[in-house]
N, C-alpha and C. Protein backbone atom coordinates (compact mmCIF):
# COMPACT_ATOMS: atom_id res chain seq x y z
N MET A 1 29.41 18.89 -16.63
CA MET A 1 30.09 18.04 -15.67
C MET A 1 29.42 18.19 -14.30
N GLN A 2 29.40 17.13 -13.57
CA GLN A 2 28.85 17.16 -12.22
C GLN A 2 29.95 16.90 -11.20
N TYR A 3 29.87 17.65 -10.14
CA TYR A 3 30.77 17.47 -9.00
C TYR A 3 29.94 17.51 -7.74
N LEU A 4 30.43 16.81 -6.75
CA LEU A 4 29.79 16.78 -5.44
C LEU A 4 30.81 17.19 -4.41
N TYR A 5 30.41 18.06 -3.50
CA TYR A 5 31.30 18.27 -2.36
C TYR A 5 30.60 17.89 -1.08
N ARG A 6 31.39 17.25 -0.24
CA ARG A 6 30.93 16.77 1.06
C ARG A 6 31.47 17.72 2.10
N ILE A 7 30.59 18.17 2.99
CA ILE A 7 31.02 19.06 4.07
C ILE A 7 30.69 18.44 5.42
N ALA A 8 31.52 18.76 6.39
CA ALA A 8 31.31 18.29 7.75
C ALA A 8 31.82 19.35 8.71
N PRO A 9 31.18 19.48 9.87
CA PRO A 9 31.64 20.46 10.85
C PRO A 9 33.08 20.18 11.29
N THR A 10 33.82 21.24 11.52
CA THR A 10 35.19 21.09 11.98
C THR A 10 35.28 21.03 13.51
N ARG A 11 34.21 21.44 14.18
CA ARG A 11 34.21 21.48 15.64
C ARG A 11 33.22 20.49 16.21
N ASP A 12 33.70 19.61 17.11
CA ASP A 12 32.80 18.68 17.80
C ASP A 12 31.74 19.48 18.55
N GLY A 13 30.52 19.01 18.51
CA GLY A 13 29.44 19.67 19.23
C GLY A 13 28.81 20.83 18.50
N PHE A 14 29.32 21.17 17.33
CA PHE A 14 28.80 22.32 16.57
C PHE A 14 27.30 22.22 16.35
N LEU A 15 26.82 21.02 16.01
CA LEU A 15 25.40 20.87 15.69
C LEU A 15 24.51 20.91 16.93
N LEU A 16 25.09 20.76 18.10
CA LEU A 16 24.31 20.83 19.33
C LEU A 16 24.38 22.22 19.96
N GLU A 17 25.51 22.88 19.81
CA GLU A 17 25.71 24.23 20.36
C GLU A 17 26.54 25.04 19.40
N SER A 18 25.92 25.97 18.71
CA SER A 18 26.67 26.85 17.82
C SER A 18 26.66 28.26 18.38
N THR A 19 27.68 29.01 18.03
CA THR A 19 27.76 30.39 18.49
C THR A 19 26.96 31.29 17.56
N PRO A 20 26.62 32.48 18.00
CA PRO A 20 25.93 33.42 17.10
C PRO A 20 26.74 33.71 15.83
N GLU A 21 28.06 33.77 15.96
CA GLU A 21 28.91 34.00 14.80
C GLU A 21 28.82 32.83 13.82
N GLU A 22 28.84 31.62 14.35
CA GLU A 22 28.71 30.44 13.49
C GLU A 22 27.33 30.41 12.82
N ASP A 23 26.30 30.76 13.58
CA ASP A 23 24.95 30.80 13.00
C ASP A 23 24.87 31.78 11.84
N ALA A 24 25.51 32.93 11.99
CA ALA A 24 25.49 33.94 10.92
C ALA A 24 26.20 33.41 9.67
N ILE A 25 27.30 32.73 9.86
CA ILE A 25 28.04 32.18 8.72
C ILE A 25 27.27 31.04 8.06
N VAL A 26 26.61 30.22 8.84
CA VAL A 26 25.80 29.14 8.28
C VAL A 26 24.63 29.73 7.48
N SER A 27 24.08 30.85 7.93
CA SER A 27 23.05 31.54 7.15
C SER A 27 23.61 32.02 5.82
N GLU A 28 24.82 32.57 5.84
CA GLU A 28 25.48 32.98 4.59
C GLU A 28 25.68 31.77 3.68
N HIS A 29 26.09 30.65 4.26
CA HIS A 29 26.28 29.39 3.53
C HIS A 29 24.97 28.99 2.83
N PHE A 30 23.86 29.02 3.56
CA PHE A 30 22.58 28.66 2.99
C PHE A 30 22.20 29.61 1.86
N ASN A 31 22.37 30.90 2.08
CA ASN A 31 22.04 31.90 1.05
C ASN A 31 22.91 31.72 -0.20
N TYR A 32 24.17 31.39 0.00
CA TYR A 32 25.11 31.14 -1.10
C TYR A 32 24.62 29.97 -1.94
N LEU A 33 24.26 28.87 -1.28
CA LEU A 33 23.78 27.69 -2.01
C LEU A 33 22.42 27.96 -2.65
N GLN A 34 21.59 28.73 -1.99
CA GLN A 34 20.28 29.08 -2.54
C GLN A 34 20.44 29.89 -3.84
N ALA A 35 21.37 30.83 -3.84
CA ALA A 35 21.62 31.63 -5.05
C ALA A 35 22.17 30.76 -6.18
N LEU A 36 23.06 29.84 -5.85
CA LEU A 36 23.60 28.94 -6.88
C LEU A 36 22.54 27.97 -7.39
N THR A 37 21.60 27.60 -6.54
CA THR A 37 20.49 26.75 -6.96
C THR A 37 19.60 27.51 -7.94
N ALA A 38 19.32 28.76 -7.65
CA ALA A 38 18.49 29.59 -8.54
C ALA A 38 19.13 29.75 -9.91
N LYS A 39 20.46 29.73 -9.96
CA LYS A 39 21.19 29.85 -11.23
C LYS A 39 21.32 28.51 -11.96
N GLY A 40 20.88 27.42 -11.32
CA GLY A 40 20.98 26.11 -11.95
C GLY A 40 22.32 25.43 -11.75
N VAL A 41 23.17 26.00 -10.92
CA VAL A 41 24.49 25.41 -10.66
C VAL A 41 24.38 24.31 -9.61
N VAL A 42 23.73 24.60 -8.50
CA VAL A 42 23.52 23.57 -7.47
C VAL A 42 22.26 22.81 -7.84
N LEU A 43 22.40 21.50 -7.95
CA LEU A 43 21.29 20.63 -8.30
C LEU A 43 20.59 20.07 -7.06
N LEU A 44 21.37 19.92 -5.99
CA LEU A 44 20.84 19.33 -4.76
C LEU A 44 21.78 19.72 -3.62
N ALA A 45 21.22 20.04 -2.49
CA ALA A 45 22.03 20.30 -1.30
C ALA A 45 21.23 19.85 -0.08
N GLY A 46 21.91 19.25 0.86
CA GLY A 46 21.23 18.80 2.07
C GLY A 46 22.23 18.19 3.03
N ARG A 47 21.70 17.75 4.18
CA ARG A 47 22.57 17.19 5.20
C ARG A 47 21.90 16.02 5.90
N THR A 48 22.74 15.22 6.51
CA THR A 48 22.22 14.14 7.34
C THR A 48 21.63 14.77 8.59
N LEU A 49 20.81 14.03 9.28
CA LEU A 49 20.18 14.57 10.49
C LEU A 49 20.88 14.12 11.77
N HIS A 50 22.03 13.45 11.61
CA HIS A 50 22.82 13.07 12.78
C HIS A 50 23.43 14.31 13.41
N THR A 51 23.65 14.25 14.69
CA THR A 51 24.33 15.35 15.38
C THR A 51 25.66 14.89 15.98
N ASP A 52 26.11 13.72 15.56
CA ASP A 52 27.39 13.22 16.06
C ASP A 52 28.46 13.39 14.98
N GLU A 53 29.58 12.71 15.15
CA GLU A 53 30.72 12.87 14.23
C GLU A 53 30.44 12.34 12.83
N THR A 54 29.34 11.61 12.63
CA THR A 54 29.01 11.11 11.30
C THR A 54 28.22 12.12 10.46
N SER A 55 27.82 13.22 11.07
CA SER A 55 27.02 14.22 10.36
C SER A 55 27.81 14.83 9.20
N HIS A 56 27.13 15.00 8.07
CA HIS A 56 27.76 15.66 6.92
C HIS A 56 26.68 16.17 5.97
N GLY A 57 27.08 17.04 5.09
CA GLY A 57 26.19 17.56 4.07
C GLY A 57 26.77 17.27 2.70
N LEU A 58 25.90 17.36 1.68
CA LEU A 58 26.32 17.13 0.29
C LEU A 58 25.80 18.28 -0.56
N VAL A 59 26.62 18.69 -1.50
CA VAL A 59 26.23 19.70 -2.48
C VAL A 59 26.58 19.13 -3.85
N LEU A 60 25.57 18.93 -4.68
CA LEU A 60 25.76 18.42 -6.03
C LEU A 60 25.64 19.58 -7.01
N MET A 61 26.66 19.74 -7.85
CA MET A 61 26.72 20.89 -8.76
C MET A 61 26.88 20.45 -10.21
N LYS A 62 26.37 21.28 -11.11
CA LYS A 62 26.62 21.14 -12.54
C LYS A 62 27.47 22.34 -12.95
N VAL A 63 28.70 22.06 -13.37
CA VAL A 63 29.67 23.11 -13.68
C VAL A 63 30.42 22.77 -14.97
N ASP A 64 31.22 23.70 -15.43
CA ASP A 64 31.99 23.51 -16.66
C ASP A 64 33.32 22.80 -16.45
N SER A 65 33.85 22.85 -15.22
CA SER A 65 35.18 22.30 -14.98
C SER A 65 35.40 22.00 -13.50
N GLU A 66 36.43 21.20 -13.24
CA GLU A 66 36.82 20.94 -11.85
C GLU A 66 37.27 22.24 -11.20
N LYS A 67 37.94 23.09 -11.95
CA LYS A 67 38.41 24.37 -11.42
C LYS A 67 37.23 25.20 -10.90
N GLN A 68 36.15 25.25 -11.67
CA GLN A 68 34.96 26.00 -11.24
C GLN A 68 34.34 25.36 -10.00
N ALA A 69 34.26 24.03 -9.99
CA ALA A 69 33.70 23.32 -8.84
C ALA A 69 34.51 23.61 -7.58
N ARG A 70 35.83 23.54 -7.71
CA ARG A 70 36.71 23.80 -6.57
C ARG A 70 36.56 25.24 -6.08
N PHE A 71 36.47 26.18 -7.02
CA PHE A 71 36.29 27.59 -6.67
C PHE A 71 34.99 27.78 -5.88
N LEU A 72 33.90 27.19 -6.36
CA LEU A 72 32.62 27.33 -5.67
C LEU A 72 32.66 26.70 -4.29
N MET A 73 33.27 25.52 -4.17
CA MET A 73 33.38 24.86 -2.87
C MET A 73 34.22 25.70 -1.91
N GLU A 74 35.38 26.16 -2.37
CA GLU A 74 36.27 26.91 -1.49
C GLU A 74 35.71 28.27 -1.11
N ASN A 75 34.77 28.79 -1.89
CA ASN A 75 34.17 30.09 -1.58
C ASN A 75 32.83 29.97 -0.88
N ASP A 76 32.42 28.76 -0.55
CA ASP A 76 31.26 28.56 0.31
C ASP A 76 31.61 29.25 1.63
N PRO A 77 30.78 30.18 2.10
CA PRO A 77 31.14 30.94 3.31
C PRO A 77 31.50 30.09 4.52
N ALA A 78 30.83 28.96 4.71
CA ALA A 78 31.14 28.12 5.88
C ALA A 78 32.45 27.37 5.71
N VAL A 79 32.80 27.05 4.48
CA VAL A 79 34.09 26.40 4.21
C VAL A 79 35.19 27.45 4.35
N LYS A 80 34.97 28.59 3.76
CA LYS A 80 35.96 29.68 3.79
C LYS A 80 36.26 30.10 5.24
N ALA A 81 35.24 30.10 6.08
CA ALA A 81 35.40 30.50 7.49
C ALA A 81 35.95 29.38 8.36
N GLY A 82 36.07 28.17 7.81
CA GLY A 82 36.61 27.06 8.59
C GLY A 82 35.60 26.38 9.49
N ILE A 83 34.33 26.68 9.33
CA ILE A 83 33.29 26.02 10.13
C ILE A 83 33.04 24.61 9.61
N PHE A 84 33.13 24.45 8.27
CA PHE A 84 33.01 23.15 7.65
C PHE A 84 34.30 22.83 6.90
N ARG A 85 34.69 21.57 6.92
CA ARG A 85 35.75 21.11 6.02
C ARG A 85 35.04 20.52 4.81
N ALA A 86 35.70 20.53 3.67
CA ALA A 86 35.04 20.08 2.45
C ALA A 86 35.96 19.20 1.61
N GLU A 87 35.36 18.25 0.92
CA GLU A 87 36.07 17.37 -0.02
C GLU A 87 35.29 17.39 -1.33
N LEU A 88 36.00 17.48 -2.44
CA LEU A 88 35.38 17.54 -3.76
C LEU A 88 35.54 16.21 -4.49
N PHE A 89 34.47 15.78 -5.17
CA PHE A 89 34.47 14.53 -5.92
C PHE A 89 33.83 14.74 -7.29
N PRO A 90 34.44 14.20 -8.36
CA PRO A 90 33.72 14.15 -9.63
C PRO A 90 32.53 13.22 -9.41
N PHE A 91 31.41 13.50 -10.04
CA PHE A 91 30.19 12.75 -9.75
C PHE A 91 29.37 12.61 -11.01
N SER A 92 28.58 11.56 -11.09
CA SER A 92 27.67 11.36 -12.21
C SER A 92 26.37 10.78 -11.69
N VAL A 93 25.30 11.53 -11.83
CA VAL A 93 23.99 11.03 -11.43
C VAL A 93 23.58 9.91 -12.39
N ALA A 94 23.20 8.78 -11.84
CA ALA A 94 22.77 7.65 -12.66
C ALA A 94 21.25 7.53 -12.68
N LEU A 95 20.62 7.79 -11.55
CA LEU A 95 19.17 7.67 -11.43
C LEU A 95 18.63 8.79 -10.56
N VAL A 96 17.44 9.27 -10.89
CA VAL A 96 16.75 10.27 -10.07
C VAL A 96 15.28 9.90 -10.04
N SER A 97 14.73 9.82 -8.87
CA SER A 97 13.30 9.54 -8.72
C SER A 97 12.51 10.82 -8.88
N LYS A 98 11.35 10.73 -9.48
CA LYS A 98 10.48 11.90 -9.58
C LYS A 98 9.95 12.29 -8.21
N ASN A 99 10.10 11.41 -7.23
CA ASN A 99 9.62 11.65 -5.87
C ASN A 99 10.69 12.21 -4.95
N ILE A 100 11.78 12.74 -5.48
CA ILE A 100 12.91 13.15 -4.66
C ILE A 100 12.55 14.14 -3.55
N LEU A 101 11.60 15.00 -3.79
CA LEU A 101 11.27 16.01 -2.78
C LEU A 101 10.01 15.69 -1.98
N GLN A 102 9.44 14.54 -2.20
CA GLN A 102 8.25 14.16 -1.44
C GLN A 102 8.66 13.45 -0.15
N ALA A 103 8.01 13.82 0.92
CA ALA A 103 8.34 13.21 2.22
C ALA A 103 7.65 11.89 2.38
């Protein structure tokens, strides 16, 4: 099963000015997703490059259940710390380009 969670900063201006504490938690967030990617759970993770209220990130996962997807989302360090809010969606990839990682 595939699930996608969408994350967005909870604080206006976060992407322009973050605190050292927020930076440390965002590093934990990245390491968390990196470890899940190495395990084959996270298929794709990234964010928009906007720095306004439209900015958001996406995490696409392959999991066994909605319960597992929700657990992983809620235990994302940045979500758990309240730096990002998150929404979970069932998802199904329909098409993937072989050029996905080429700039």
